[in-house]
Amino acid sequence: MNKDNKTYTFLTEEPDIIPDANERIQRMMLNDYEKKQTILYHLAAGVDIPYSDGVVIEKGVEIGTDTCILPGTIIKGNTKIGKNCVIGPNSVVEDCVIEDNVKLNQTQCEQCVIKSGANIGPFVHIRPNSVIGDNVHLGNFVEVKNSNIDTGTKVSHLTYVGDSDVGKRVNFGCGTVTVNYSGKAKYRTTIGDDVFIGCNTNLVAPVTVGDGAYTAAGSTITDDVPEASLGIARARQVNKIGWKVKK
């Protein structure tokens, strides 16, 4: 019924788009139809979607040829994905730019840039305003927030990188944390090229680790580490001989 209270008749070759959407079942049917049409569009454009189970791709998403979208993947918003990528399984991508040859395995990312050859996942969260450089590796249980990570850096597991600028070819040991919040304000961490961050290092921002520097495992770094130096910030070990027997 139009505003002029007249009823009009239209012909369509696709009767699936005609049903009302007044009930949840009807809305589900229409959503399934739209989802199928979007997947067929990307298949025709050269995207590989071997199993469409749980795959949701919003209209307007751009995906390059020979990229593979695996089950359980949701791609939303103003997202552009390059060629020869593997996205999924079980990944959520929203308002991101992803360049060629990127792998996202069980990864959630929003409002970020991921450059060519990055290998990310599983169980990675990339939060807004982050740039992940060429050939960067982010491994299991890594979170990145408002940070720039440059070419060839490896953050393999159990690490938080927040409000940081990280150089090229940096290696993060397991359990590293950039301590970016003082309780009142956020501060940035700066890490140069070819740096080795030892396991369980706390980098208390604002702090800078110079090119080629190392931090010893288990250190809490509160002062700048000059280039090509080793920063050690941990208590000396003391053994209480016979302590258990005396207790």
C-alpha atoms as a PDB file:
ATOM      1  CA  MET A   1       0.000   0.000   0.000  1.00  0.00           C
ATOM      2  CA  ASN A   2       1.477   3.346  -1.060  1.00  0.00           C
ATOM      3  CA  LYS A   3       0.945   6.766   0.540  1.00  0.00           C
ATOM      4  CA  ASP A   4      -1.828   7.468  -1.954  1.00  0.00           C
ATOM      5  CA  ASN A   5      -3.715   4.413  -0.599  1.00  0.00           C
ATOM      6  CA  LYS A   6      -3.353   2.606  -3.887  1.00  0.00           C
ATOM      7  CA  THR A   7      -2.073  -0.935  -4.306  1.00  0.00           C
ATOM      8  CA  TYR A   8       0.410  -1.699  -7.091  1.00  0.00           C
ATOM      9  CA  THR A   9       1.552  -4.941  -8.659  1.00  0.00           C
ATOM     10  CA  PHE A  10       5.189  -5.745  -9.443  1.00  0.00           C
ATOM     11  CA  LEU A  11       6.728  -8.676 -11.290  1.00  0.00           C
ATOM     12  CA  THR A  12       9.896 -10.335 -10.027  1.00  0.00           C
ATOM     13  CA  GLU A  13      11.994 -13.249 -11.172  1.00  0.00           C
ATOM     14  CA  GLU A  14      13.115 -13.867  -7.562  1.00  0.00           C
ATOM     15  CA  PRO A  15      10.087 -14.673  -5.398  1.00  0.00           C
ATOM     16  CA  ASP A  16      12.338 -15.280  -2.355  1.00  0.00           C
ATOM     17  CA  ILE A  17      12.633 -11.524  -1.821  1.00  0.00           C
ATOM     18  CA  ILE A  18       8.866 -10.958  -1.554  1.00  0.00           C
ATOM     19  CA  PRO A  19       7.942 -12.380   1.910  1.00  0.00           C
ATOM     20  CA  ASP A  20       7.139 -10.031   4.775  1.00  0.00           C
ATOM     21  CA  ALA A  21       9.587  -9.602   7.650  1.00  0.00           C
ATOM     22  CA  ASN A  22       7.133  -9.275  10.467  1.00  0.00           C
ATOM     23  CA  GLU A  23       8.276 -12.347  12.365  1.00  0.00           C
ATOM     24  CA  ARG A  24      11.648 -13.762  13.366  1.00  0.00           C
ATOM     25  CA  ILE A  25      11.259 -16.752  11.053  1.00  0.00           C
ATOM     26  CA  GLN A  26      10.548 -14.481   8.091  1.00  0.00           C
ATOM     27  CA  ARG A  27      13.512 -12.241   8.927  1.00  0.00           C
ATOM     28  CA  MET A  28      15.734 -15.300   9.184  1.00  0.00           C
ATOM     29  CA  MET A  29      14.608 -16.487   5.750  1.00  0.00           C
ATOM     30  CA  LEU A  30      15.304 -13.086   4.190  1.00  0.00           C
ATOM     31  CA  ASN A  31      18.690 -12.857   5.916  1.00  0.00           C
ATOM     32  CA  ASP A  32      19.605 -16.322   4.658  1.00  0.00           C
ATOM     33  CA  TYR A  33      18.662 -15.292   1.148  1.00  0.00           C
ATOM     34  CA  GLU A  34      20.759 -12.120   1.321  1.00  0.00           C
ATOM     35  CA  LYS A  35      23.694 -14.038   2.821  1.00  0.00           C
ATOM     36  CA  LYS A  36      23.563 -16.589   0.004  1.00  0.00           C
ATOM     37  CA  GLN A  37      23.477 -13.901  -2.681  1.00  0.00           C
ATOM     38  CA  THR A  38      26.500 -12.130  -1.182  1.00  0.00           C
ATOM     39  CA  ILE A  39      28.502 -15.365  -1.004  1.00  0.00           C
ATOM     40  CA  LEU A  40      27.599 -16.205  -4.608  1.00  0.00           C
ATOM     41  CA  TYR A  41      28.782 -12.735  -5.656  1.00  0.00           C
ATOM     42  CA  HIS A  42      32.211 -13.241  -4.063  1.00  0.00           C
ATOM     43  CA  LEU A  43      32.532 -16.773  -5.441  1.00  0.00           C
ATOM     44  CA  ALA A  44      31.911 -15.427  -8.928  1.00  0.00           C
ATOM     45  CA  ALA A  45      34.592 -12.774  -8.322  1.00  0.00           C
ATOM     46  CA  GLY A  46      37.249 -15.404  -7.566  1.00  0.00           C
ATOM     47  CA  VAL A  47      37.031 -15.737  -3.776  1.00  0.00           C
ATOM     48  CA  ASP A  48      37.302 -19.263  -2.364  1.00  0.00           C
ATOM     49  CA  ILE A  49      34.600 -20.136   0.177  1.00  0.00           C
ATOM     50  CA  PRO A  50      34.838 -23.941   0.411  1.00  0.00           C
ATOM     51  CA  TYR A  51      32.268 -24.247   3.203  1.00  0.00           C
ATOM     52  CA  SER A  52      29.827 -21.423   3.831  1.00  0.00           C
ATOM     53  CA  ASP A  53      28.808 -22.619   7.319  1.00  0.00           C
ATOM     54  CA  GLY A  54      28.723 -19.597   9.617  1.00  0.00           C
ATOM     55  CA  VAL A  55      30.257 -17.294   7.002  1.00  0.00           C
ATOM     56  CA  VAL A  56      28.739 -13.800   7.045  1.00  0.00           C
ATOM     57  CA  ILE A  57      29.974 -11.124   4.637  1.00  0.00           C
ATOM     58  CA  GLU A  58      28.253  -7.759   4.718  1.00  0.00           C
ATOM     59  CA  LYS A  59      27.494  -5.852   1.556  1.00  0.00           C
ATOM     60  CA  GLY A  60      30.252  -3.446   0.574  1.00  0.00           C
ATOM     61  CA  VAL A  61      33.107  -5.674   1.761  1.00  0.00           C
ATOM     62  CA  GLU A  62      35.879  -6.003  -0.844  1.00  0.00           C
ATOM     63  CA  ILE A  63      37.813  -9.286  -1.133  1.00  0.00           C
ATOM     64  CA  GLY A  64      40.646 -10.021  -3.569  1.00  0.00           C
ATOM     65  CA  THR A  65      40.924 -13.036  -5.834  1.00  0.00           C
ATOM     66  CA  ASP A  66      42.125 -16.397  -4.506  1.00  0.00           C
ATOM     67  CA  THR A  67      41.496 -15.372  -0.908  1.00  0.00           C
ATOM     68  CA  CYS A  68      39.980 -18.207   1.123  1.00  0.00           C
ATOM     69  CA  ILE A  69      37.218 -17.522   3.662  1.00  0.00           C
ATOM     70  CA  LEU A  70      36.850 -20.380   6.151  1.00  0.00           C
ATOM     71  CA  PRO A  71      33.812 -21.374   8.284  1.00  0.00           C
ATOM     72  CA  GLY A  72      32.683 -19.231  11.183  1.00  0.00           C
ATOM     73  CA  THR A  73      34.132 -16.025   9.738  1.00  0.00           C
ATOM     74  CA  ILE A  74      32.250 -12.717   9.956  1.00  0.00           C
ATOM     75  CA  ILE A  75      33.410  -9.783   7.820  1.00  0.00           C
ATOM     76  CA  LYS A  76      31.707  -6.454   8.441  1.00  0.00           C
ATOM     77  CA  GLY A  77      31.742  -2.763   7.716  1.00  0.00           C
ATOM     78  CA  ASN A  78      34.180  -0.970   5.463  1.00  0.00           C
ATOM     79  CA  THR A  79      36.615  -3.876   5.141  1.00  0.00           C
ATOM     80  CA  LYS A  80      39.017  -4.433   2.259  1.00  0.00           C
ATOM     81  CA  ILE A  81      40.893  -7.734   1.972  1.00  0.00           C
ATOM     82  CA  GLY A  82      43.659  -8.372  -0.555  1.00  0.00           C
ATOM     83  CA  LYS A  83      44.602 -11.373  -2.664  1.00  0.00           C
ATOM     84  CA  ASN A  84      45.759 -14.847  -1.594  1.00  0.00           C
ATOM     85  CA  CYS A  85      44.740 -14.436   2.037  1.00  0.00           C
ATOM     86  CA  VAL A  86      43.317 -17.071   4.383  1.00  0.00           C
ATOM     87  CA  ILE A  87      40.708 -15.608   6.706  1.00  0.00           C
ATOM     88  CA  GLY A  88      39.412 -17.911   9.431  1.00  0.00           C
ATOM     89  CA  PRO A  89      38.199 -20.175  10.712  1.00  0.00           C
ATOM     90  CA  ASN A  90      36.191 -18.387  13.405  1.00  0.00           C
ATOM     91  CA  SER A  91      37.456 -14.871  12.763  1.00  0.00           C
ATOM     92  CA  VAL A  92      35.732 -11.494  13.023  1.00  0.00           C
ATOM     93  CA  VAL A  93      36.957  -8.632  10.837  1.00  0.00           C
ATOM     94  CA  GLU A  94      35.365  -5.178  11.049  1.00  0.00           C
ATOM     95  CA  ASP A  95      36.393  -1.962   9.285  1.00  0.00           C
ATOM     96  CA  CYS A  96      39.881  -3.252   8.499  1.00  0.00           C
ATOM     97  CA  VAL A  97      42.339  -3.023   5.626  1.00  0.00           C
ATOM     98  CA  ILE A  98      44.080  -6.348   5.058  1.00  0.00           C
ATOM     99  CA  GLU A  99      46.746  -6.554   2.366  1.00  0.00           C
ATOM    100  CA  ASP A 100      47.826  -9.571   0.291  1.00  0.00           C
ATOM    101  CA  ASN A 101      49.000 -12.966   1.594  1.00  0.00           C
ATOM    102  CA  VAL A 102      47.727 -12.483   5.142  1.00  0.00           C
ATOM    103  CA  LYS A 103      46.633 -15.358   7.393  1.00  0.00           C
ATOM    104  CA  LEU A 104      44.077 -14.718  10.151  1.00  0.00           C
ATOM    105  CA  ASN A 105      43.326 -17.805  12.227  1.00  0.00           C
ATOM    106  CA  GLN A 106      40.683 -17.405  14.970  1.00  0.00           C
ATOM    107  CA  THR A 107      41.368 -13.691  15.159  1.00  0.00           C
ATOM    108  CA  GLN A 108      39.218 -10.696  16.033  1.00  0.00           C
ATOM    109  CA  CYS A 109      40.250  -7.340  14.641  1.00  0.00           C
ATOM    110  CA  GLU A 110      38.588  -3.993  14.216  1.00  0.00           C
ATOM    111  CA  GLN A 111      39.587  -0.634  12.701  1.00  0.00           C
ATOM    112  CA  CYS A 112      43.158  -1.677  11.990  1.00  0.00           C
ATOM    113  CA  VAL A 113      45.587  -2.201   9.100  1.00  0.00           C
ATOM    114  CA  ILE A 114      47.304  -5.547   8.537  1.00  0.00           C
ATOM    115  CA  LYS A 115      50.044  -5.479   5.928  1.00  0.00           C
ATOM    116  CA  SER A 116      51.253  -8.093   3.468  1.00  0.00           C
ATOM    117  CA  GLY A 117      52.415 -11.484   4.647  1.00  0.00           C
ATOM    118  CA  ALA A 118      51.326 -11.121   8.264  1.00  0.00           C
ATOM    119  CA  ASN A 119      50.612 -14.428  10.007  1.00  0.00           C
ATOM    120  CA  ILE A 120      48.200 -13.974  12.885  1.00  0.00           C
ATOM    121  CA  GLY A 121      46.543 -16.357  15.334  1.00  0.00           C
ATOM    122  CA  PRO A 122      45.101 -18.333  16.820  1.00  0.00           C
ATOM    123  CA  PHE A 123      43.272 -16.409  19.564  1.00  0.00           C
ATOM    124  CA  VAL A 124      44.531 -12.914  18.731  1.00  0.00           C
ATOM    125  CA  HIS A 125      42.703  -9.621  19.342  1.00  0.00           C
ATOM    126  CA  ILE A 126      43.775  -6.550  17.357  1.00  0.00           C
ATOM    127  CA  ARG A 127      42.033  -3.448  18.636  1.00  0.00           C
ATOM    128  CA  PRO A 128      41.455  -0.096  16.874  1.00  0.00           C
ATOM    129  CA  ASN A 129      44.208   2.213  15.610  1.00  0.00           C
ATOM    130  CA  SER A 130      46.763  -0.547  15.197  1.00  0.00           C
ATOM    131  CA  VAL A 131      49.046  -1.130  12.204  1.00  0.00           C
ATOM    132  CA  ILE A 132      50.546  -4.604  11.822  1.00  0.00           C
ATOM    133  CA  GLY A 133      53.539  -4.505   9.470  1.00  0.00           C
ATOM    134  CA  ASP A 134      54.737  -6.758   6.668  1.00  0.00           C
ATOM    135  CA  ASN A 135      55.502 -10.354   7.668  1.00  0.00           C
ATOM    136  CA  VAL A 136      54.704  -9.783  11.341  1.00  0.00           C
ATOM    137  CA  HIS A 137      53.756 -12.848  13.379  1.00  0.00           C
ATOM    138  CA  LEU A 138      51.257 -12.576  16.229  1.00  0.00           C
ATOM    139  CA  GLY A 139      50.732 -15.897  17.993  1.00  0.00           C
ATOM    140  CA  ASN A 140      48.246 -17.366  20.422  1.00  0.00           C
ATOM    141  CA  PHE A 141      46.710 -15.138  23.101  1.00  0.00           C
ATOM    142  CA  VAL A 142      48.245 -11.863  21.924  1.00  0.00           C
ATOM    143  CA  GLU A 143      46.404  -8.546  22.200  1.00  0.00           C
ATOM    144  CA  VAL A 144      47.432  -5.392  20.348  1.00  0.00           C
ATOM    145  CA  LYS A 145      45.858  -1.999  21.022  1.00  0.00           C
ATOM    146  CA  ASN A 146      46.600   1.402  19.440  1.00  0.00           C
ATOM    147  CA  SER A 147      50.078   0.257  18.400  1.00  0.00           C
ATOM    148  CA  ASN A 148      52.391   0.139  15.393  1.00  0.00           C
ATOM    149  CA  ILE A 149      54.365  -3.066  14.887  1.00  0.00           C
ATOM    150  CA  ASP A 150      56.925  -2.902  12.094  1.00  0.00           C
ATOM    151  CA  THR A 151      58.227  -5.433   9.571  1.00  0.00           C
ATOM    152  CA  GLY A 152      59.276  -8.929  10.616  1.00  0.00           C
ATOM    153  CA  THR A 153      58.536  -8.577  14.337  1.00  0.00           C
ATOM    154  CA  LYS A 154      57.414 -11.687  16.240  1.00  0.00           C
ATOM    155  CA  VAL A 155      55.007 -11.614  19.180  1.00  0.00           C
ATOM    156  CA  SER A 156      54.496 -15.308  19.607  1.00  0.00           C
ATOM    157  CA  HIS A 157      52.296 -15.818  22.664  1.00  0.00           C
ATOM    158  CA  LEU A 158      50.695 -14.527  25.864  1.00  0.00           C
ATOM    159  CA  THR A 159      51.613 -10.877  25.345  1.00  0.00           C
ATOM    160  CA  TYR A 160      49.921  -7.480  25.525  1.00  0.00           C
ATOM    161  CA  VAL A 161      51.168  -4.661  23.301  1.00  0.00           C
ATOM    162  CA  GLY A 162      49.276  -1.458  24.044  1.00  0.00           C
ATOM    163  CA  ASP A 163      49.998   2.159  23.071  1.00  0.00           C
ATOM    164  CA  SER A 164      53.360   1.165  21.620  1.00  0.00           C
ATOM    165  CA  ASP A 165      55.614   1.848  18.643  1.00  0.00           C
ATOM    166  CA  VAL A 166      57.627  -1.275  17.836  1.00  0.00           C
ATOM    167  CA  GLY A 167      60.465  -1.430  15.324  1.00  0.00           C
ATOM    168  CA  LYS A 168      61.581  -4.055  12.834  1.00  0.00           C
ATOM    169  CA  ARG A 169      62.642  -7.636  13.637  1.00  0.00           C
ATOM    170  CA  VAL A 170      61.794  -7.397  17.336  1.00  0.00           C
ATOM    171  CA  ASN A 171      61.297 -10.634  19.290  1.00  0.00           C
ATOM    172  CA  PHE A 172      58.876 -10.590  22.210  1.00  0.00           C
ATOM    173  CA  GLY A 173      59.334 -13.311  24.801  1.00  0.00           C
ATOM    174  CA  CYS A 174      56.299 -15.055  26.260  1.00  0.00           C
ATOM    175  CA  GLY A 175      54.352 -13.084  28.865  1.00  0.00           C
ATOM    176  CA  THR A 176      55.549  -9.586  27.959  1.00  0.00           C
ATOM    177  CA  VAL A 177      53.327  -6.666  28.988  1.00  0.00           C
ATOM    178  CA  THR A 178      53.563  -3.029  27.983  1.00  0.00           C
ATOM    179  CA  VAL A 179      52.261  -1.328  31.130  1.00  0.00           C
ATOM    180  CA  ASN A 180      50.565   1.620  29.485  1.00  0.00           C
ATOM    181  CA  TYR A 181      48.138   2.875  32.153  1.00  0.00           C
ATOM    182  CA  SER A 182      49.219   4.672  35.316  1.00  0.00           C
ATOM    183  CA  GLY A 183      45.719   4.782  36.747  1.00  0.00           C
ATOM    184  CA  LYS A 184      45.293   8.364  35.541  1.00  0.00           C
ATOM    185  CA  ALA A 185      46.721   8.509  32.011  1.00  0.00           C
ATOM    186  CA  LYS A 186      47.936   6.316  29.136  1.00  0.00           C
ATOM    187  CA  TYR A 187      51.596   6.415  28.093  1.00  0.00           C
ATOM    188  CA  ARG A 188      53.480   4.982  25.126  1.00  0.00           C
ATOM    189  CA  THR A 189      56.289   2.458  24.889  1.00  0.00           C
ATOM    190  CA  THR A 190      58.907   2.791  22.129  1.00  0.00           C
ATOM    191  CA  ILE A 191      60.971  -0.205  21.025  1.00  0.00           C
ATOM    192  CA  GLY A 192      63.689   0.118  18.379  1.00  0.00           C
ATOM    193  CA  ASP A 193      64.802  -2.290  15.665  1.00  0.00           C
ATOM    194  CA  ASP A 194      66.351  -5.730  16.370  1.00  0.00           C
ATOM    195  CA  VAL A 195      65.380  -5.696  20.047  1.00  0.00           C
ATOM    196  CA  PHE A 196      65.027  -8.862  22.138  1.00  0.00           C
ATOM    197  CA  ILE A 197      62.449  -8.637  24.917  1.00  0.00           C
ATOM    198  CA  GLY A 198      62.961 -11.418  27.461  1.00  0.00           C
ATOM    199  CA  CYS A 199      60.078 -13.526  28.766  1.00  0.00           C
ATOM    200  CA  ASN A 200      57.861 -11.963  31.438  1.00  0.00           C
ATOM    201  CA  THR A 201      59.196  -8.454  30.904  1.00  0.00           C
ATOM    202  CA  ASN A 202      57.069  -5.539  32.100  1.00  0.00           C
ATOM    203  CA  LEU A 203      57.745  -2.362  30.136  1.00  0.00           C
ATOM    204  CA  VAL A 204      56.391   0.456  32.308  1.00  0.00           C
ATOM    205  CA  ALA A 205      55.558   3.356  30.003  1.00  0.00           C
ATOM    206  CA  PRO A 206      56.707   5.900  29.149  1.00  0.00           C
ATOM    207  CA  VAL A 207      59.876   3.973  28.346  1.00  0.00           C
ATOM    208  CA  THR A 208      62.179   3.458  25.355  1.00  0.00           C
ATOM    209  CA  VAL A 209      64.250   0.398  24.469  1.00  0.00           C
ATOM    210  CA  GLY A 210      66.946   1.326  21.957  1.00  0.00           C
ATOM    211  CA  ASP A 211      67.995  -0.462  18.767  1.00  0.00           C
ATOM    212  CA  GLY A 212      69.595  -3.846  19.327  1.00  0.00           C
ATOM    213  CA  ALA A 213      68.961  -3.824  23.080  1.00  0.00           C
ATOM    214  CA  TYR A 214      67.942  -6.776  25.263  1.00  0.00           C
ATOM    215  CA  THR A 215      65.873  -7.080  28.408  1.00  0.00           C
ATOM    216  CA  ALA A 216      66.509  -9.907  30.836  1.00  0.00           C
ATOM    217  CA  ALA A 217      63.671 -12.358  31.494  1.00  0.00           C
ATOM    218  CA  GLY A 218      61.505 -11.414  34.456  1.00  0.00           C
ATOM    219  CA  SER A 219      62.492  -7.729  34.437  1.00  0.00           C
ATOM    220  CA  THR A 220      60.288  -4.750  35.196  1.00  0.00           C
ATOM    221  CA  ILE A 221      61.795  -2.005  33.045  1.00  0.00           C
ATOM    222  CA  THR A 222      61.046   1.507  34.294  1.00  0.00           C
ATOM    223  CA  ASP A 223      64.001   3.397  32.777  1.00  0.00           C
ATOM    224  CA  ASP A 224      65.133   3.658  29.164  1.00  0.00           C
ATOM    225  CA  VAL A 225      67.456   0.916  27.899  1.00  0.00           C
ATOM    226  CA  PRO A 226      70.171   2.368  25.609  1.00  0.00           C
ATOM    227  CA  GLU A 227      70.821   0.769  22.236  1.00  0.00           C
ATOM    228  CA  ALA A 228      72.891  -2.431  22.191  1.00  0.00           C
ATOM    229  CA  SER A 229      72.550  -2.726  25.988  1.00  0.00           C
ATOM    230  CA  LEU A 230      71.053  -5.288  28.372  1.00  0.00           C
ATOM    231  CA  GLY A 231      68.425  -4.077  30.824  1.00  0.00           C
ATOM    232  CA  ILE A 232      68.108  -6.136  34.020  1.00  0.00           C
ATOM    233  CA  ALA A 233      65.538  -5.140  36.619  1.00  0.00           C
ATOM    234  CA  ARG A 234      64.885  -7.990  39.025  1.00  0.00           C
ATOM    235  CA  ALA A 235      65.847  -8.932  42.567  1.00  0.00           C
ATOM    236  CA  ARG A 236      68.877 -11.163  43.134  1.00  0.00           C
ATOM    237  CA  GLN A 237      67.944 -14.740  44.017  1.00  0.00           C
ATOM    238  CA  VAL A 238      68.390 -15.841  47.627  1.00  0.00           C
ATOM    239  CA  ASN A 239      68.182 -19.557  48.592  1.00  0.00           C
ATOM    240  CA  LYS A 240      67.154 -20.363  52.173  1.00  0.00           C
ATOM    241  CA  ILE A 241      69.014 -23.637  52.728  1.00  0.00           C
ATOM    242  CA  GLY A 242      67.030 -26.173  54.774  1.00  0.00           C
ATOM    243  CA  TRP A 243      64.004 -23.871  54.976  1.00  0.00           C
ATOM    244  CA  LYS A 244      61.456 -26.680  54.533  1.00  0.00           C
ATOM    245  CA  VAL A 245      63.001 -28.865  57.256  1.00  0.00           C
ATOM    246  CA  LYS A 246      63.065 -25.997  59.745  1.00  0.00           C
ATOM    247  CA  LYS A 247      59.465 -25.115  58.992  1.00  0.00           C
END
